[in-house]
C-alpha atoms as a PDB file:
ATOM      1  CA  MET A   1       1.180   3.656 -17.408  1.00  0.00           C
ATOM      2  CA  LEU A   2      -0.948   4.763 -14.486  1.00  0.00           C
ATOM      3  CA  LEU A   3      -0.304   8.389 -15.379  1.00  0.00           C
ATOM      4  CA  LEU A   4      -1.442   7.755 -18.956  1.00  0.00           C
ATOM      5  CA  ALA A   5      -4.669   6.049 -17.848  1.00  0.00           C
ATOM      6  CA  THR A   6      -5.384   8.819 -15.364  1.00  0.00           C
ATOM      7  CA  SER A   7      -4.674  11.543 -17.929  1.00  0.00           C
ATOM      8  CA  VAL A   8      -6.913   9.986 -20.582  1.00  0.00           C
ATOM      9  CA  LYS A   9      -9.660   9.541 -18.003  1.00  0.00           C
ATOM     10  CA  LEU A  10      -9.355  13.187 -16.904  1.00  0.00           C
ATOM     11  CA  ILE A  11      -9.472  14.547 -20.456  1.00  0.00           C
ATOM     12  CA  ALA A  12     -12.506  12.393 -21.232  1.00  0.00           C
ATOM     13  CA  GLU A  13     -14.239  13.597 -18.057  1.00  0.00           C
ATOM     14  CA  ILE A  14     -13.627  17.248 -18.923  1.00  0.00           C
ATOM     15  CA  ALA A  15     -14.930  16.783 -22.467  1.00  0.00           C
ATOM     16  CA  LEU A  16     -17.970  14.820 -21.264  1.00  0.00           C
ATOM     17  CA  LEU A  17     -18.882  17.483 -18.740  1.00  0.00           C
ATOM     18  CA  ALA A  18     -18.432  20.181 -21.379  1.00  0.00           C
ATOM     19  CA  MET A  19     -20.779  18.295 -23.724  1.00  0.00           C
ATOM     20  CA  VAL A  20     -23.405  17.883 -21.010  1.00  0.00           C
ATOM     21  CA  GLY A  21     -23.088  21.548 -20.075  1.00  0.00           C
ATOM     22  CA  GLN A  22     -23.406  22.606 -23.699  1.00  0.00           C
ATOM     23  CA  TRP A  23     -26.515  20.467 -24.115  1.00  0.00           C
ATOM     24  CA  LEU A  24     -28.131  21.856 -20.952  1.00  0.00           C
ATOM     25  CA  LEU A  25     -27.260  25.432 -21.864  1.00  0.00           C
ATOM     26  CA  GLY A  26     -28.658  24.822 -25.341  1.00  0.00           C
ATOM     27  CA  LEU A  27     -31.933  23.724 -23.784  1.00  0.00           C
ATOM     28  CA  LEU A  28     -32.064  26.778 -21.544  1.00  0.00           C
ATOM     29  CA  ALA A  29     -31.009  29.353 -24.139  1.00  0.00           C
ATOM     30  CA  GLY A  30     -33.151  27.987 -26.953  1.00  0.00           C
ATOM     31  CA  SER A  31     -32.714  29.578 -30.357  1.00  0.00           C
ATOM     32  CA  LYS A  32     -30.416  32.288 -28.968  1.00  0.00           C
ATOM     33  CA  ARG A  33     -27.773  29.790 -27.881  1.00  0.00           C
ATOM     34  CA  GLU A  34     -25.355  30.679 -30.713  1.00  0.00           C
ATOM     35  CA  GLY A  35     -25.026  34.198 -29.298  1.00  0.00           C
ATOM     36  CA  ASN A  36     -24.368  32.988 -25.752  1.00  0.00           C
ATOM     37  CA  PHE A  37     -20.731  33.400 -24.677  1.00  0.00           C
ATOM     38  CA  PHE A  38     -20.653  30.309 -22.465  1.00  0.00           C
ATOM     39  CA  TYR A  39     -22.335  28.138 -25.096  1.00  0.00           C
ATOM     40  CA  ARG A  40     -19.650  29.206 -27.591  1.00  0.00           C
ATOM     41  CA  LEU A  41     -16.929  28.482 -25.009  1.00  0.00           C
ATOM     42  CA  LEU A  42     -18.253  24.973 -24.431  1.00  0.00           C
ATOM     43  CA  GLN A  43     -18.574  24.517 -28.198  1.00  0.00           C
ATOM     44  CA  ILE A  44     -14.886  25.407 -28.582  1.00  0.00           C
ATOM     45  CA  LEU A  45     -13.964  22.849 -25.900  1.00  0.00           C
ATOM     46  CA  THR A  46     -15.951  20.048 -27.519  1.00  0.00           C
ATOM     47  CA  GLY A  47     -15.211  21.030 -31.119  1.00  0.00           C
ATOM     48  CA  PRO A  48     -12.133  18.814 -31.645  1.00  0.00           C
ATOM     49  CA  VAL A  49     -13.955  15.712 -30.430  1.00  0.00           C
ATOM     50  CA  VAL A  50     -17.001  16.401 -32.598  1.00  0.00           C
ATOM     51  CA  LYS A  51     -14.799  17.033 -35.651  1.00  0.00           C
ATOM     52  CA  ALA A  52     -12.832  13.835 -35.045  1.00  0.00           C
ATOM     53  CA  VAL A  53     -16.038  11.816 -34.801  1.00  0.00           C
ATOM     54  CA  ARG A  54     -17.337  13.452 -38.009  1.00  0.00           C
ATOM     55  CA  ILE A  55     -14.162  12.331 -39.791  1.00  0.00           C
ATOM     56  CA  ILE A  56     -14.405   8.702 -38.670  1.00  0.00           C
ATOM     57  CA  THR A  57     -18.145   8.249 -39.180  1.00  0.00           C
ATOM     58  CA  PRO A  58     -19.627   7.381 -42.571  1.00  0.00           C
ATOM     59  CA  ARG A  59     -21.226  10.181 -44.596  1.00  0.00           C
ATOM     60  CA  PHE A  60     -24.756   8.764 -44.291  1.00  0.00           C
ATOM     61  CA  VAL A  61     -24.742   9.631 -40.573  1.00  0.00           C
ATOM     62  CA  LEU A  62     -26.614  12.909 -40.235  1.00  0.00           C
ATOM     63  CA  ASP A  63     -24.749  15.933 -38.865  1.00  0.00           C
ATOM     64  CA  ARG A  64     -27.285  16.367 -36.082  1.00  0.00           C
ATOM     65  CA  HIS A  65     -26.363  12.885 -34.753  1.00  0.00           C
ATOM     66  CA  ILE A  66     -22.632  13.563 -34.603  1.00  0.00           C
ATOM     67  CA  PRO A  67     -22.666  15.195 -31.112  1.00  0.00           C
ATOM     68  CA  LEU A  68     -24.452  12.125 -29.726  1.00  0.00           C
ATOM     69  CA  ALA A  69     -21.907   9.847 -31.402  1.00  0.00           C
ATOM     70  CA  ALA A  70     -19.101  11.995 -29.960  1.00  0.00           C
ATOM     71  CA  PHE A  71     -20.639  11.736 -26.496  1.00  0.00           C
ATOM     72  CA  LEU A  72     -20.886   7.948 -26.787  1.00  0.00           C
ATOM     73  CA  ALA A  73     -17.307   7.724 -28.074  1.00  0.00           C
ATOM     74  CA  LEU A  74     -16.071   9.817 -25.136  1.00  0.00           C
ATOM     75  CA  LEU A  75     -18.076   7.701 -22.739  1.00  0.00           C
ATOM     76  CA  SER A  76     -16.448   4.582 -24.202  1.00  0.00           C
ATOM     77  CA  VAL A  77     -12.974   6.102 -23.842  1.00  0.00           C
ATOM     78  CA  TRP A  78     -13.773   7.052 -20.257  1.00  0.00           C
ATOM     79  CA  LEU A  79     -14.960   3.518 -19.451  1.00  0.00           C
ATOM     80  CA  VAL A  80     -11.859   1.923 -20.995  1.00  0.00           C
ATOM     81  CA  ALA A  81      -9.578   4.344 -19.129  1.00  0.00           C
ATOM     82  CA  THR A  82     -11.423   3.663 -15.865  1.00  0.00           C
ATOM     83  CA  VAL A  83     -11.089  -0.103 -16.273  1.00  0.00           C
ATOM     84  CA  ALA A  84      -7.407   0.296 -17.167  1.00  0.00           C
ATOM     85  CA  LYS A  85      -6.812   2.469 -14.099  1.00  0.00           C
ATOM     86  CA  ILE A  86      -8.579  -0.020 -11.831  1.00  0.00           C
ATOM     87  CA  ASN A  87      -6.521  -2.894 -13.227  1.00  0.00           C
ATOM     88  CA  LEU A  88      -3.298  -0.946 -12.791  1.00  0.00           C
ATOM     89  CA  CYS A  89      -4.242  -0.010  -9.244  1.00  0.00           C
ATOM     90  CA  LEU A  90      -4.929  -3.635  -8.414  1.00  0.00           C
ATOM     91  CA  GLN A  91      -1.581  -4.698  -9.896  1.00  0.00           C
ATOM     92  CA  LEU A  92       0.495  -1.937  -8.299  1.00  0.00           C
ATOM     93  CA  GLY A  93      -1.365  -1.817  -5.029  1.00  0.00           C
ATOM     94  CA  VAL A  94      -3.843   0.704  -3.731  1.00  0.00           C
ATOM     95  CA  GLN A  95      -1.107   2.832  -2.116  1.00  0.00           C
ATOM     96  CA  ALA A  96       0.383   3.623  -5.557  1.00  0.00           C
ATOM     97  CA  CYS A  97      -2.960   5.021  -6.742  1.00  0.00           C
ATOM     98  CA  ARG A  98      -3.402   7.592  -4.005  1.00  0.00           C
END
């Protein structure tokens, strides 16, 4: 169970950092961001999460708000995984979590 909580937390962290990096690179690159190799790479990394959030959100939610909703969903998953990992570490003992 500890491995599952740690794995979910790690995947959420990677996706969150990719979303933040994509947002920052989008700010720096401006209108030419679609031609930027690294922006496209980060977009490929975050694409599955954004598509999943688009599927579960109602249609009246605008497409430009979907990345923010995906970020908040990932942040929620990360928080739940962190709390689960802390609880498991407290139950199993700190030595098992190292």
